[in-house]
Protein backbone atom coordinates (compact mmCIF):
# COMPACT_ATOMS: atom_id res chain seq x y z
CA MET A 1 -56.21 27.34 5.10
CA THR A 2 -53.15 25.85 6.70
CA GLN A 3 -50.06 25.94 4.57
CA ILE A 4 -47.87 22.87 4.75
CA VAL A 5 -44.22 23.74 4.95
CA ARG A 6 -41.97 20.97 3.76
CA LYS A 7 -38.54 20.56 5.22
CA PRO A 8 -35.76 20.81 2.68
CA GLU A 9 -34.43 17.44 1.67
CA ARG A 10 -31.04 16.58 3.07
CA ALA A 11 -28.37 16.94 0.42
CA GLU A 12 -26.50 13.82 -0.53
CA PRO A 13 -22.81 13.74 0.47
CA ALA A 14 -20.50 15.00 -2.25
CA ARG A 15 -18.54 11.97 -3.44
CA SER A 16 -15.59 13.11 -5.49
CA SER A 17 -13.72 9.80 -5.90
CA LEU A 18 -13.60 6.25 -4.57
CA PHE A 19 -11.58 7.36 -1.53
CA VAL A 20 -13.61 10.51 -0.78
CA SER A 21 -17.26 9.61 -0.16
CA GLY A 22 -18.38 12.86 1.48
CA ASP A 23 -19.64 11.01 4.59
CA VAL A 24 -17.44 12.73 7.16
CA PRO A 25 -17.24 11.38 10.72
CA ARG A 26 -18.29 13.84 13.40
CA ARG A 27 -15.06 13.24 15.28
CA ARG A 28 -12.69 13.46 12.37
CA TRP A 29 -9.93 14.93 14.52
CA LEU A 30 -10.14 11.77 16.60
CA VAL A 31 -9.59 9.74 13.41
CA ILE A 32 -6.52 11.86 12.66
CA ALA A 33 -5.18 11.49 16.21
CA VAL A 34 -5.66 7.72 16.30
CA GLY A 35 -4.20 7.22 12.79
CA ALA A 36 -1.17 9.40 13.58
CA LEU A 37 -0.62 7.68 16.93
CA ILE A 38 -0.72 4.19 15.40
CA GLY A 39 1.61 5.24 12.58
CA PHE A 40 4.05 6.78 15.05
CA ALA A 41 3.87 3.77 17.40
CA LEU A 42 4.75 1.48 14.51
CA THR A 43 7.90 3.48 13.83
CA VAL A 44 8.94 3.07 17.47
CA ILE A 45 8.45 -0.70 17.69
CA TRP A 46 9.11 -1.72 14.08
CA SER A 47 12.12 -3.98 13.58
CA ALA A 48 13.27 -4.27 9.97
CA GLU A 49 15.63 -7.07 10.94
CA PHE A 50 12.77 -9.12 12.38
CA VAL A 51 10.67 -8.64 9.23
CA ASP A 52 13.57 -9.35 6.86
CA ARG A 53 15.27 -12.20 8.68
CA THR A 54 12.68 -13.90 10.89
CA ILE A 55 9.60 -13.55 8.68
CA GLY A 56 11.03 -13.03 5.19
CA ASP A 57 13.76 -15.68 5.29
CA ASN A 58 11.46 -18.24 6.93
CA VAL A 59 8.68 -17.71 4.37
CA VAL A 60 11.09 -18.07 1.45
CA GLY A 61 12.87 -21.02 3.05
CA THR A 62 9.60 -22.84 3.75
CA LEU A 63 7.97 -22.29 0.36
CA LEU A 64 11.08 -22.77 -1.79
CA GLU A 65 12.75 -25.31 0.51
CA GLU A 66 16.10 -23.57 0.28
CA ASP A 67 18.12 -20.99 2.16
CA ALA A 68 16.92 -17.48 1.36
CA GLY A 69 20.52 -16.30 1.25
CA THR A 70 21.61 -18.64 -1.53
CA ARG A 71 22.27 -17.22 -4.99
CA ILE A 72 19.36 -17.42 -7.43
CA SER A 73 20.16 -20.03 -10.07
CA GLY A 74 18.39 -19.49 -13.38
CA ILE A 75 15.41 -17.50 -14.63
CA GLY A 76 12.86 -20.08 -13.47
CA ALA A 77 14.21 -19.99 -9.93
CA GLY A 78 14.28 -16.19 -10.10
CA ILE A 79 10.63 -16.01 -11.10
CA ALA A 80 9.62 -18.29 -8.22
CA PHE A 81 11.84 -16.34 -5.82
CA ALA A 82 10.29 -13.03 -6.95
CA PHE A 83 6.73 -14.10 -6.16
CA VAL A 84 7.58 -15.84 -2.87
CA SER A 85 9.70 -12.92 -1.64
CA GLY A 86 6.76 -10.66 -2.53
CA LEU A 87 4.55 -12.83 -0.31
CA ALA A 88 7.09 -12.41 2.49
CA GLY A 89 6.88 -8.63 1.97
CA THR A 90 3.15 -8.76 2.75
CA PHE A 91 4.01 -8.23 6.39
CA THR A 92 5.72 -4.88 5.94
CA ALA A 93 3.98 -1.89 7.52
CA CYS A 94 3.92 -0.09 4.15
CA ASN A 95 1.03 -2.36 3.17
CA ALA A 96 -1.29 -0.21 5.25
CA ALA A 97 -1.55 1.80 2.03
CA ALA A 98 -2.83 -1.28 0.20
CA PHE A 99 -5.35 -1.78 3.00
CA GLY A 100 -6.56 1.78 2.54
CA ALA A 101 -7.01 1.20 -1.19
CA LEU A 102 -9.00 -2.01 -0.73
CA ALA A 103 -11.06 -1.01 2.33
CA PRO A 104 -13.75 0.95 0.39
CA LEU A 105 -14.52 -2.12 -1.72
CA VAL A 106 -15.58 -4.52 1.03
CA GLY A 107 -18.78 -2.80 2.06
CA ARG A 108 -19.96 -1.69 -1.39
CA ARG A 109 -23.69 -1.93 -1.95
CA GLY A 110 -25.72 -2.60 -5.05
CA ALA A 111 -26.52 -0.01 -7.69
CA ALA A 112 -29.87 0.68 -6.02
CA GLY A 113 -28.25 1.10 -2.63
CA GLY A 114 -29.36 -2.27 -1.29
CA PRO A 115 -27.27 -5.25 -0.23
CA VAL A 116 -25.99 -7.69 -2.83
CA GLY A 117 -25.31 -11.40 -2.68
CA ALA A 118 -21.97 -13.05 -2.01
CA ALA A 119 -21.19 -13.52 -5.71
CA GLY A 120 -22.10 -9.91 -6.41
CA ARG A 121 -19.87 -8.68 -3.60
CA VAL A 122 -16.92 -10.61 -5.00
CA ARG A 123 -17.59 -9.33 -8.54
CA ALA A 124 -17.83 -5.79 -7.18
CA MET A 125 -14.31 -6.17 -5.82
CA LEU A 126 -12.69 -7.92 -8.77
CA ARG A 127 -12.99 -5.07 -11.27
CA PRO A 128 -11.39 -2.41 -9.02
CA LEU A 129 -8.75 -4.98 -8.06
CA ALA A 130 -7.97 -5.44 -11.75
CA TRP A 131 -7.41 -1.68 -12.09
CA LEU A 132 -5.24 -1.69 -8.97
CA ALA A 133 -3.15 -4.52 -10.41
CA ALA A 134 -2.87 -2.75 -13.79
CA GLY A 135 -1.41 0.39 -12.22
CA MET A 136 0.90 -1.64 -10.01
CA LEU A 137 2.19 -3.82 -12.84
CA ALA A 138 2.74 -0.84 -15.15
CA VAL A 139 5.18 0.71 -12.68
CA SER A 140 6.86 -2.47 -11.41
CA ALA A 141 7.34 -3.96 -14.91
CA THR A 142 8.77 -0.67 -16.23
CA TYR A 143 11.17 -0.47 -13.30
CA GLY A 144 12.22 -4.08 -13.90
CA VAL A 145 13.07 -3.21 -17.50
CA VAL A 146 15.09 -0.17 -16.36
CA VAL A 147 17.02 -2.29 -13.85
CA ALA A 148 17.84 -4.91 -16.50
CA LEU A 149 19.02 -2.22 -18.95
CA VAL A 150 21.02 -0.06 -16.55
CA GLY A 151 22.43 -2.96 -14.58
CA THR A 152 24.68 -2.67 -11.56
CA SER A 153 25.22 1.08 -11.89
CA MET A 154 21.83 1.64 -10.21
CA PRO A 155 21.90 3.43 -6.80
CA GLN A 156 20.89 0.18 -5.05
CA PHE A 157 24.38 -1.20 -5.70
CA GLN A 158 26.20 1.88 -4.38
CA THR A 159 26.54 0.98 -0.73
CA SER A 160 28.83 2.43 1.92
CA GLY A 161 29.88 1.71 5.49
CA PRO A 162 27.68 1.73 8.62
CA GLY A 163 26.44 5.14 9.70
CA THR A 164 27.01 6.77 6.31
CA TRP A 165 24.58 8.00 3.67
CA SER A 166 24.55 5.50 0.84
CA PRO A 167 22.79 6.37 -2.44
CA ARG A 168 20.46 3.41 -1.82
CA LEU A 169 19.36 4.88 1.51
CA VAL A 170 18.90 8.38 0.12
CA GLN A 171 16.75 7.01 -2.70
CA ALA A 172 14.57 5.12 -0.21
CA MET A 173 14.13 8.27 1.90
CA ILE A 174 13.05 10.33 -1.12
CA VAL A 175 10.69 7.73 -2.59
CA TYR A 176 8.98 6.80 0.67
CA GLY A 177 8.84 10.42 1.79
CA ILE A 178 6.92 11.37 -1.37
CA ILE A 179 4.60 8.35 -1.08
CA GLY A 180 4.00 9.12 2.60
CA ALA A 181 3.05 12.72 1.78
CA LEU A 182 0.59 11.46 -0.87
CA MET A 183 -0.93 9.06 1.68
CA LEU A 184 -1.37 11.87 4.22
CA TRP A 185 -3.00 14.12 1.63
CA GLN A 186 -5.42 11.40 0.58
CA GLY A 187 -6.30 10.63 4.20
CA LEU A 188 -7.03 14.29 4.94
CA ALA A 189 -9.02 14.57 1.69
CA ALA A 190 -11.20 11.63 2.79
CA LEU A 191 -12.05 13.67 5.90
CA ASN A 192 -12.77 16.81 3.82
CA LEU A 193 -9.81 18.61 5.37
CA ALA A 194 -7.93 18.87 2.07
CA PRO A 195 -9.01 19.03 -1.60
CA ASP A 196 -9.38 15.63 -3.23
CA PRO A 197 -6.37 15.29 -5.57
CA LEU A 198 -8.24 12.73 -7.67
CA ALA A 199 -11.58 14.57 -8.01
CA ARG A 200 -11.22 15.89 -11.58
CA LEU A 201 -9.69 12.70 -12.88
CA ALA A 202 -12.27 10.50 -11.15
CA ALA A 203 -15.11 12.57 -12.65
CA ARG A 204 -13.99 11.52 -16.14
CA HIS A 205 -12.50 8.13 -15.29
CA PRO A 206 -14.08 6.57 -12.16
CA ASN A 207 -11.47 3.78 -12.07
CA ALA A 208 -8.54 6.19 -12.09
CA PRO A 209 -8.14 6.24 -8.25
CA MET A 210 -7.55 2.48 -8.11
CA LEU A 211 -5.21 2.66 -11.11
CA LEU A 212 -3.13 5.42 -9.52
CA MET A 213 -3.12 3.72 -6.12
CA GLY A 214 -1.80 0.61 -7.83
CA ALA A 215 0.95 2.72 -9.38
CA VAL A 216 1.88 4.02 -5.91
CA ILE A 217 2.05 0.47 -4.53
CA GLY A 218 4.20 -0.54 -7.51
CA ALA A 219 6.50 2.40 -6.75
CA PHE A 220 7.36 0.79 -3.40
CA LEU A 221 9.87 -1.27 -5.37
CA ILE A 222 11.78 1.85 -6.38
CA GLY A 223 12.76 2.61 -2.81
CA ARG A 224 12.49 -0.81 -1.21
CA PRO A 225 15.60 -1.84 0.76
CA PHE A 226 13.97 -5.16 1.75
CA ALA A 227 16.87 -7.65 1.85
CA LEU A 228 15.10 -10.32 -0.20
CA PHE A 229 14.14 -7.73 -2.80
CA ARG A 230 17.76 -6.60 -3.13
CA GLN A 231 18.72 -10.19 -3.88
CA MET A 232 16.18 -10.38 -6.69
CA PHE A 233 17.17 -6.87 -7.82
CA ARG A 234 20.83 -7.90 -8.18
CA ASP A 235 19.93 -11.02 -10.15
CA ALA A 236 17.74 -9.06 -12.59
CA ALA A 237 20.38 -6.35 -13.00
CA GLU A 238 23.18 -8.83 -13.66
CA SER A 239 21.09 -10.81 -16.15
CA GLY A 240 20.51 -7.87 -18.52
CA ASN A 241 17.30 -9.64 -19.63
CA VAL A 242 14.49 -7.07 -19.85
CA LEU A 243 11.72 -9.70 -20.03
CA TYR A 244 13.06 -11.39 -16.92
CA GLY A 245 13.35 -8.04 -15.15
CA ALA A 246 9.79 -7.06 -16.02
CA ALA A 247 8.36 -10.45 -15.03
CA ALA A 248 10.30 -10.71 -11.76
CA PHE A 249 9.42 -7.21 -10.59
CA SER A 250 5.76 -7.68 -11.57
CA LEU A 251 5.52 -10.95 -9.64
CA GLN A 252 7.19 -9.33 -6.64
CA SER A 253 4.42 -6.71 -6.58
CA LEU A 254 1.65 -9.27 -7.11
CA GLY A 255 3.00 -11.42 -4.29
CA ASN A 256 3.11 -8.34 -2.09
CA ILE A 257 -0.68 -7.87 -2.23
CA ALA A 258 -1.78 -11.49 -2.84
CA VAL A 259 -2.48 -12.39 0.80
CA MET A 260 -4.29 -9.13 1.54
CA THR A 261 -6.40 -9.49 -1.62
CA LEU A 262 -7.47 -13.03 -0.68
CA LEU A 263 -8.26 -11.79 2.82
CA PHE A 264 -10.52 -9.02 1.49
CA LEU A 265 -12.25 -11.40 -0.93
CA ALA A 266 -12.88 -13.83 1.93
CA VAL A 267 -14.39 -11.06 4.03
CA ALA A 268 -16.60 -9.97 1.11
CA LEU A 269 -17.69 -13.56 0.52
CA LEU A 270 -18.27 -14.70 4.09
CA GLY A 271 -19.08 -11.63 6.12
CA GLY A 272 -19.92 -9.01 3.52
CA ARG A 273 -23.67 -8.81 4.20
CA ARG A 274 -23.18 -8.12 7.89
CA LEU A 275 -20.40 -5.64 7.12
CA GLN A 276 -22.60 -3.89 4.56
CA GLY A 277 -25.30 -3.48 7.17
CA TRP A 278 -22.84 -2.12 9.72
CA LEU A 279 -21.43 0.40 7.24
CA ALA A 280 -24.88 1.35 5.92
CA ALA A 281 -26.07 2.18 9.44
CA ARG A 282 -23.43 4.90 9.56
CA PRO A 283 -21.64 5.51 6.23
CA SER A 284 -19.04 7.71 7.94
CA ARG A 285 -17.57 4.49 9.40
CA ALA A 286 -16.21 3.56 5.96
CA THR A 287 -14.66 7.03 5.68
CA ALA A 288 -13.01 6.62 9.07
CA ILE A 289 -11.51 3.26 8.01
CA VAL A 290 -10.19 4.58 4.69
CA ALA A 291 -8.85 7.83 6.13
CA GLY A 292 -7.32 6.02 9.10
CA ALA A 293 -5.49 3.53 6.87
CA PHE A 294 -4.04 6.28 4.67
CA LEU A 295 -3.00 8.35 7.68
CA ILE A 296 -1.31 5.38 9.35
CA ALA A 297 0.62 4.62 6.16
CA GLY A 298 1.55 8.26 5.59
CA VAL A 299 2.77 8.92 9.12
CA PHE A 300 4.69 5.65 9.22
CA LEU A 301 6.45 6.21 5.89
CA ILE A 302 7.52 9.77 6.69
CA MET A 303 8.48 9.19 10.32
CA TYR A 304 10.24 5.88 9.68
CA TRP A 305 12.10 6.72 6.48
CA ASP A 306 12.70 10.45 6.87
CA VAL A 307 12.88 10.99 10.63
CA ARG A 308 13.95 7.75 12.30
CA ILE A 309 16.74 7.36 9.73
CA LEU A 310 18.19 10.64 11.03
CA ALA A 311 18.30 9.11 14.50
CA ARG A 312 20.06 6.07 13.08
CA ARG A 313 22.73 8.45 11.80
CA ASP A 314 22.94 10.25 15.19
CA VAL A 315 21.58 13.48 13.73
CA ILE A 316 18.57 13.64 16.10
CA TRP A 317 17.09 11.63 18.93
CA TYR A 318 14.08 9.40 18.22
CA PRO A 319 12.35 6.93 20.57
CA MET A 320 12.95 3.31 19.54
CA ALA A 321 12.16 0.03 21.24
CA PRO A 322 15.22 -1.96 22.36
CA TRP A 323 14.57 -4.65 19.73
CA ALA A 324 14.12 -2.11 16.91
């Protein structure tokens, strides 16, 4: 009698959180190399002046129909300025982190593993987006209250001459250096090259990763030297109004991710079924996208704010494009 030997069933990938699915690309070192190269290339060609002046000032001037450099007059104008300047900040390279947070949501499949309709795809994105916004608003609103209470004694007002180390610059280096390290860790965790920092928390609270990622995006305001943000920052600090500070900083953060959120919802609505099929054919593709986005953001933040700044102060040499 012939004995039938069954092959052991293939174990399902170990998903530990939203950002760590367990589907590891075969060429994960290629993902690391490409992500690091893109992040580094951005630091070489990135021009803060172009983003602040050409893009930021033009966006604010077009939407508010006034010069971005004029003084904010009144709370109503400040609220409008906060949201519009946040929209202008959409185009900063730091938003690669927001892309990494939203990328896993686009290709999500139904509870049974099959594709879902357009309305279902949008609904599947809205709940995690709500958690992302909650974490972001908690940090940005709290920081707005602190700014209104402490006022102009904050480090952002303590400037110094060209080539020196102002408290504002040191604060930006520390904040973005920490955020960059967190991004790198999460990117490596997605590729199973580092322990998932959110695994235990996600096991009890599945929405915790989006909440914490929102808090990280909200923390961008703590270090942000974006010229338009400093203008809003000064107005909130001089007002001493905690409600205004909380509202303005919250709207700045919401404006910062508004365009990218609409873009992701449009992709989920219009091209989600095709994207779901492409990701389902090889689930490791989603991992590569998520890990790549986090690695790009992490490398950029550390190299731009903690290494290129040293070159700006003639401490080391760093390659920079002529326009940067």
